[in-house]
Amino acid sequence: MFRDSAVIARNVHSQVADRIGALIVRGDVLPGDPLPSEVKICEMLDVSRTVVREAIRTLTGKGLVESRAKSGTRVRPRELAARAHRCRQLPCQDLRVAQRHGADGGGARRDGRDG
């Protein structure tokens, strides 16, 4: 009984994330542009605030948007989103090296030596 409702809730936030993500990828919302407020998105899509927050968290994790207190959620520039995506694909030990040499790990070698 409860399992079915959890699946529906997960699907709803995924659908909202897919919908917002598609707008970003298509270029309907440009890099640097703010997304509407959580409340406005709730009204537009007729979903709960929890669903919208989870969708925004998903998009943040994918590097498409960034949220900041008092300035809202904005679409990240494509190059930053691509770097964040590449950085998440690196093994954890390589992240420290990548951060020293730029987010894409340019020049960082797997054996820990620079060059």
N, C-alpha and C. Protein backbone atom coordinates (compact mmCIF):
# COMPACT_ATOMS: atom_id res chain seq x y z
N MET A 1 0.83 -1.18 0.00
CA MET A 1 0.00 0.00 0.00
C MET A 1 0.88 1.26 0.00
N PHE A 2 1.80 1.42 0.95
CA PHE A 2 2.64 2.62 1.02
C PHE A 2 3.68 2.63 -0.08
N ARG A 3 4.08 1.47 -0.49
CA ARG A 3 5.10 1.37 -1.52
C ARG A 3 4.62 2.03 -2.82
N ASP A 4 3.39 1.83 -3.18
CA ASP A 4 2.85 2.42 -4.40
C ASP A 4 2.88 3.95 -4.35
N SER A 5 2.54 4.53 -3.21
CA SER A 5 2.52 5.99 -3.11
C SER A 5 3.94 6.55 -3.18
N ALA A 6 4.93 5.84 -2.67
CA ALA A 6 6.31 6.31 -2.74
C ALA A 6 6.79 6.32 -4.19
N VAL A 7 6.39 5.32 -4.95
CA VAL A 7 6.77 5.27 -6.37
C VAL A 7 6.14 6.43 -7.12
N ILE A 8 4.89 6.73 -6.84
CA ILE A 8 4.21 7.84 -7.50
C ILE A 8 4.90 9.16 -7.16
N ALA A 9 5.23 9.37 -5.88
CA ALA A 9 5.89 10.61 -5.47
C ALA A 9 7.24 10.75 -6.15
N ARG A 10 7.99 9.66 -6.22
CA ARG A 10 9.30 9.71 -6.85
C ARG A 10 9.14 10.04 -8.34
N ASN A 11 8.13 9.46 -8.95
CA ASN A 11 7.90 9.74 -10.36
C ASN A 11 7.50 11.20 -10.60
N VAL A 12 6.75 11.77 -9.69
CA VAL A 12 6.31 13.16 -9.86
C VAL A 12 7.51 14.10 -9.81
N HIS A 13 8.39 13.93 -8.83
CA HIS A 13 9.54 14.84 -8.77
C HIS A 13 10.47 14.62 -9.96
N SER A 14 10.57 13.39 -10.43
CA SER A 14 11.38 13.11 -11.62
C SER A 14 10.77 13.77 -12.85
N GLN A 15 9.46 13.73 -12.95
CA GLN A 15 8.78 14.37 -14.08
C GLN A 15 8.99 15.88 -14.06
N VAL A 16 8.92 16.47 -12.88
CA VAL A 16 9.13 17.92 -12.75
C VAL A 16 10.58 18.25 -13.12
N ALA A 17 11.53 17.47 -12.62
CA ALA A 17 12.94 17.70 -12.95
C ALA A 17 13.17 17.54 -14.45
N ASP A 18 12.56 16.54 -15.06
CA ASP A 18 12.70 16.34 -16.50
C ASP A 18 12.12 17.53 -17.28
N ARG A 19 11.00 18.01 -16.83
CA ARG A 19 10.33 19.12 -17.52
C ARG A 19 11.16 20.40 -17.45
N ILE A 20 11.65 20.73 -16.25
CA ILE A 20 12.48 21.93 -16.09
C ILE A 20 13.81 21.74 -16.82
N GLY A 21 14.40 20.54 -16.69
CA GLY A 21 15.66 20.26 -17.36
C GLY A 21 15.55 20.38 -18.87
N ALA A 22 14.43 19.94 -19.43
CA ALA A 22 14.22 20.04 -20.87
C ALA A 22 14.16 21.50 -21.31
N LEU A 23 13.53 22.35 -20.51
CA LEU A 23 13.48 23.78 -20.83
C LEU A 23 14.89 24.38 -20.85
N ILE A 24 15.71 23.94 -19.92
CA ILE A 24 17.09 24.45 -19.84
C ILE A 24 17.91 23.96 -21.03
N VAL A 25 17.83 22.67 -21.32
CA VAL A 25 18.62 22.08 -22.40
C VAL A 25 18.21 22.64 -23.76
N ARG A 26 16.91 22.86 -23.95
CA ARG A 26 16.42 23.44 -25.21
C ARG A 26 16.79 24.90 -25.37
N GLY A 27 17.17 25.55 -24.28
CA GLY A 27 17.52 26.96 -24.34
C GLY A 27 16.37 27.90 -24.07
N ASP A 28 15.23 27.35 -23.63
CA ASP A 28 14.09 28.20 -23.30
C ASP A 28 14.38 29.04 -22.06
N VAL A 29 15.20 28.52 -21.17
CA VAL A 29 15.69 29.27 -20.00
C VAL A 29 17.19 29.37 -20.19
N LEU A 30 17.69 30.57 -20.31
CA LEU A 30 19.10 30.79 -20.65
C LEU A 30 20.00 30.75 -19.42
N PRO A 31 21.29 30.43 -19.61
CA PRO A 31 22.24 30.46 -18.50
C PRO A 31 22.23 31.83 -17.82
N GLY A 32 22.21 31.79 -16.50
CA GLY A 32 22.15 33.02 -15.72
C GLY A 32 20.75 33.47 -15.39
N ASP A 33 19.77 32.98 -16.13
CA ASP A 33 18.38 33.34 -15.87
C ASP A 33 17.89 32.66 -14.59
N PRO A 34 17.09 33.37 -13.81
CA PRO A 34 16.52 32.74 -12.61
C PRO A 34 15.33 31.87 -12.98
N LEU A 35 15.16 30.80 -12.24
CA LEU A 35 13.94 30.00 -12.35
C LEU A 35 12.86 30.71 -11.56
N PRO A 36 11.60 30.48 -11.86
CA PRO A 36 10.54 31.03 -11.01
C PRO A 36 10.69 30.50 -9.58
N SER A 37 10.08 31.19 -8.64
CA SER A 37 10.16 30.75 -7.25
C SER A 37 9.52 29.38 -7.08
N GLU A 38 9.87 28.71 -5.99
CA GLU A 38 9.28 27.39 -5.71
C GLU A 38 7.76 27.46 -5.70
N VAL A 39 7.24 28.49 -5.07
CA VAL A 39 5.79 28.64 -4.97
C VAL A 39 5.17 28.80 -6.36
N LYS A 40 5.80 29.58 -7.21
CA LYS A 40 5.29 29.80 -8.56
C LYS A 40 5.33 28.50 -9.37
N ILE A 41 6.42 27.73 -9.24
CA ILE A 41 6.50 26.45 -9.95
C ILE A 41 5.42 25.50 -9.44
N CYS A 42 5.18 25.52 -8.13
CA CYS A 42 4.11 24.69 -7.55
C CYS A 42 2.77 25.02 -8.20
N GLU A 43 2.48 26.30 -8.32
CA GLU A 43 1.22 26.73 -8.91
C GLU A 43 1.15 26.37 -10.40
N MET A 44 2.25 26.56 -11.11
CA MET A 44 2.27 26.30 -12.54
C MET A 44 2.07 24.82 -12.86
N LEU A 45 2.67 23.95 -12.05
CA LEU A 45 2.63 22.52 -12.33
C LEU A 45 1.66 21.75 -11.44
N ASP A 46 1.03 22.46 -10.51
CA ASP A 46 0.07 21.85 -9.59
C ASP A 46 0.68 20.68 -8.82
N VAL A 47 1.84 20.96 -8.21
CA VAL A 47 2.53 19.96 -7.39
C VAL A 47 2.88 20.59 -6.04
N SER A 48 3.31 19.76 -5.11
CA SER A 48 3.67 20.27 -3.78
C SER A 48 5.05 20.91 -3.79
N ARG A 49 5.31 21.69 -2.78
CA ARG A 49 6.60 22.35 -2.65
C ARG A 49 7.71 21.32 -2.44
N THR A 50 7.40 20.23 -1.75
CA THR A 50 8.36 19.16 -1.55
C THR A 50 8.81 18.57 -2.88
N VAL A 51 7.87 18.37 -3.78
CA VAL A 51 8.19 17.83 -5.11
C VAL A 51 9.11 18.80 -5.85
N VAL A 52 8.81 20.09 -5.81
CA VAL A 52 9.63 21.09 -6.49
C VAL A 52 11.02 21.13 -5.88
N ARG A 53 11.13 21.11 -4.57
CA ARG A 53 12.44 21.13 -3.92
C ARG A 53 13.28 19.93 -4.32
N GLU A 54 12.67 18.76 -4.36
CA GLU A 54 13.40 17.55 -4.74
C GLU A 54 13.84 17.63 -6.21
N ALA A 55 12.99 18.17 -7.06
CA ALA A 55 13.35 18.33 -8.47
C ALA A 55 14.53 19.29 -8.62
N ILE A 56 14.51 20.39 -7.86
CA ILE A 56 15.61 21.36 -7.90
C ILE A 56 16.89 20.72 -7.39
N ARG A 57 16.79 19.91 -6.35
CA ARG A 57 17.97 19.19 -5.85
C ARG A 57 18.55 18.27 -6.93
N THR A 58 17.68 17.61 -7.66
CA THR A 58 18.12 16.73 -8.74
C THR A 58 18.85 17.53 -9.82
N LEU A 59 18.27 18.66 -10.21
CA LEU A 59 18.89 19.50 -11.24
C LEU A 59 20.21 20.11 -10.75
N THR A 60 20.27 20.43 -9.47
CA THR A 60 21.52 20.94 -8.89
C THR A 60 22.59 19.86 -8.93
N GLY A 61 22.20 18.64 -8.58
CA GLY A 61 23.13 17.52 -8.62
C GLY A 61 23.66 17.24 -10.02
N LYS A 62 22.85 17.52 -11.01
CA LYS A 62 23.27 17.32 -12.41
C LYS A 62 24.06 18.51 -12.93
N GLY A 63 24.16 19.55 -12.14
CA GLY A 63 24.94 20.72 -12.54
C GLY A 63 24.21 21.69 -13.44
N LEU A 64 22.90 21.54 -13.60
CA LEU A 64 22.16 22.44 -14.48
C LEU A 64 21.80 23.76 -13.82
N VAL A 65 21.56 23.74 -12.51
CA VAL A 65 21.17 24.95 -11.79
C VAL A 65 21.98 25.07 -10.51
N GLU A 66 21.96 26.28 -9.94
CA GLU A 66 22.55 26.49 -8.63
C GLU A 66 21.60 27.36 -7.81
N SER A 67 21.47 27.01 -6.56
CA SER A 67 20.57 27.75 -5.67
C SER A 67 21.39 28.52 -4.65
N ARG A 68 20.99 29.75 -4.43
CA ARG A 68 21.64 30.58 -3.41
C ARG A 68 20.57 31.30 -2.61
N ALA A 69 20.85 31.44 -1.34
CA ALA A 69 19.91 32.13 -0.47
C ALA A 69 19.71 33.56 -0.95
N LYS A 70 18.51 34.00 -0.94
CA LYS A 70 18.08 35.36 -1.28
C LYS A 70 18.21 35.72 -2.76
N SER A 71 18.93 34.93 -3.55
CA SER A 71 18.99 35.25 -4.98
C SER A 71 18.29 34.19 -5.82
N GLY A 72 17.84 33.11 -5.19
CA GLY A 72 17.05 32.11 -5.88
C GLY A 72 17.87 31.08 -6.62
N THR A 73 17.21 30.41 -7.54
CA THR A 73 17.83 29.34 -8.32
C THR A 73 18.05 29.85 -9.73
N ARG A 74 19.27 29.74 -10.21
CA ARG A 74 19.62 30.22 -11.54
C ARG A 74 20.20 29.08 -12.37
N VAL A 75 20.03 29.20 -13.68
CA VAL A 75 20.60 28.24 -14.62
C VAL A 75 22.11 28.49 -14.68
N ARG A 76 22.87 27.41 -14.57
CA ARG A 76 24.32 27.55 -14.63
C ARG A 76 24.78 27.69 -16.08
N PRO A 77 25.86 28.44 -16.29
CA PRO A 77 26.43 28.50 -17.64
C PRO A 77 26.81 27.09 -18.10
N ARG A 78 26.67 26.83 -19.37
CA ARG A 78 26.91 25.48 -19.90
C ARG A 78 28.31 24.96 -19.58
N GLU A 79 29.33 25.82 -19.67
CA GLU A 79 30.69 25.34 -19.41
C GLU A 79 30.86 24.92 -17.95
N LEU A 80 30.21 25.61 -17.02
CA LEU A 80 30.29 25.22 -15.61
C LEU A 80 29.53 23.91 -15.37
N ALA A 81 28.40 23.76 -16.02
CA ALA A 81 27.63 22.53 -15.88
C ALA A 81 28.43 21.35 -16.43
N ALA A 82 29.12 21.55 -17.55
CA ALA A 82 29.91 20.47 -18.14
C ALA A 82 31.09 20.11 -17.24
N ARG A 83 31.73 21.13 -16.65
CA ARG A 83 32.84 20.85 -15.72
C ARG A 83 32.36 20.10 -14.50
N ALA A 84 31.23 20.51 -13.95
CA ALA A 84 30.69 19.83 -12.77
C ALA A 84 30.39 18.38 -13.10
N HIS A 85 29.87 18.13 -14.29
CA HIS A 85 29.56 16.77 -14.71
C HIS A 85 30.84 15.94 -14.81
N ARG A 86 31.88 16.50 -15.43
CA ARG A 86 33.16 15.77 -15.55
C ARG A 86 33.76 15.52 -14.18
N CYS A 87 33.67 16.49 -13.30
CA CYS A 87 34.25 16.37 -11.96
C CYS A 87 33.58 15.25 -11.17
N ARG A 88 32.27 15.10 -11.33
CA ARG A 88 31.56 14.04 -10.62
C ARG A 88 31.96 12.66 -11.14
N GLN A 89 32.50 12.59 -12.34
CA GLN A 89 32.88 11.30 -12.90
C GLN A 89 34.26 10.86 -12.42
N LEU A 90 35.04 11.78 -11.83
CA LEU A 90 36.36 11.43 -11.34
C LEU A 90 36.27 10.63 -10.04
N PRO A 91 37.20 9.70 -9.82
CA PRO A 91 37.25 9.04 -8.52
C PRO A 91 37.53 10.08 -7.43
N CYS A 92 37.09 9.81 -6.22
CA CYS A 92 37.19 10.78 -5.11
C CYS A 92 38.62 11.27 -4.89
N GLN A 93 39.61 10.38 -4.98
CA GLN A 93 40.98 10.81 -4.71
C GLN A 93 41.47 11.81 -5.75
N ASP A 94 40.91 11.78 -6.96
CA ASP A 94 41.34 12.70 -8.00
C ASP A 94 40.68 14.07 -7.87
N LEU A 95 39.65 14.20 -7.06
CA LEU A 95 38.95 15.48 -6.94
C LEU A 95 39.86 16.56 -6.37
N ARG A 96 40.70 16.21 -5.37
CA ARG A 96 41.60 17.21 -4.79
C ARG A 96 42.56 17.74 -5.84
N VAL A 97 43.11 16.85 -6.67
CA VAL A 97 44.02 17.26 -7.72
C VAL A 97 43.28 18.10 -8.75
N ALA A 98 42.08 17.68 -9.11
CA ALA A 98 41.29 18.41 -10.10
C ALA A 98 40.97 19.82 -9.61
N GLN A 99 40.69 19.96 -8.33
CA GLN A 99 40.36 21.28 -7.80
C GLN A 99 41.57 22.21 -7.85
N ARG A 100 42.77 21.66 -7.67
CA ARG A 100 43.98 22.49 -7.75
C ARG A 100 44.25 22.95 -9.16
N HIS A 101 43.83 22.17 -10.16
CA HIS A 101 44.16 22.45 -11.55
C HIS A 101 42.96 22.88 -12.37
N GLY A 102 41.91 23.29 -11.73
CA GLY A 102 40.69 23.64 -12.45
C GLY A 102 39.74 22.46 -12.38
N ALA A 103 38.47 22.74 -12.50
CA ALA A 103 37.46 21.70 -12.28
C ALA A 103 37.53 20.55 -13.27
N ASP A 104 38.17 20.76 -14.44
CA ASP A 104 38.21 19.66 -15.40
C ASP A 104 39.41 18.75 -15.18
N GLY A 105 40.26 19.08 -14.20
CA GLY A 105 41.41 18.22 -13.90
C GLY A 105 42.52 18.34 -14.91
N GLY A 106 42.53 19.41 -15.70
CA GLY A 106 43.54 19.57 -16.73
C GLY A 106 44.94 19.47 -16.16
N GLY A 107 45.74 18.61 -16.71
CA GLY A 107 47.11 18.45 -16.26
C GLY A 107 47.27 17.50 -15.11
N ALA A 108 46.21 17.12 -14.44
CA ALA A 108 46.32 16.20 -13.32
C ALA A 108 46.36 14.77 -13.85
N ARG A 109 47.32 14.00 -13.36
CA ARG A 109 47.42 12.61 -13.80
C ARG A 109 46.94 11.70 -12.71
N ARG A 110 46.53 10.54 -13.08
CA ARG A 110 45.94 9.58 -12.15
C ARG A 110 46.93 9.16 -11.06
N ASP A 111 48.23 9.14 -11.39
CA ASP A 111 49.22 8.70 -10.40
C ASP A 111 49.56 9.80 -9.40
N GLY A 112 48.89 10.97 -9.51
CA GLY A 112 49.06 12.03 -8.53
C GLY A 112 50.12 13.04 -8.89
N ARG A 113 50.92 12.74 -9.93
CA ARG A 113 51.93 13.70 -10.37
C ARG A 113 51.31 14.69 -11.34
N ASP A 114 51.75 15.93 -11.27
CA ASP A 114 51.25 16.96 -12.18
C ASP A 114 51.98 16.83 -13.51
N GLY A 115 51.31 17.32 -14.57
CA GLY A 115 52.02 17.39 -15.83
C GLY A 115 51.33 16.72 -16.86
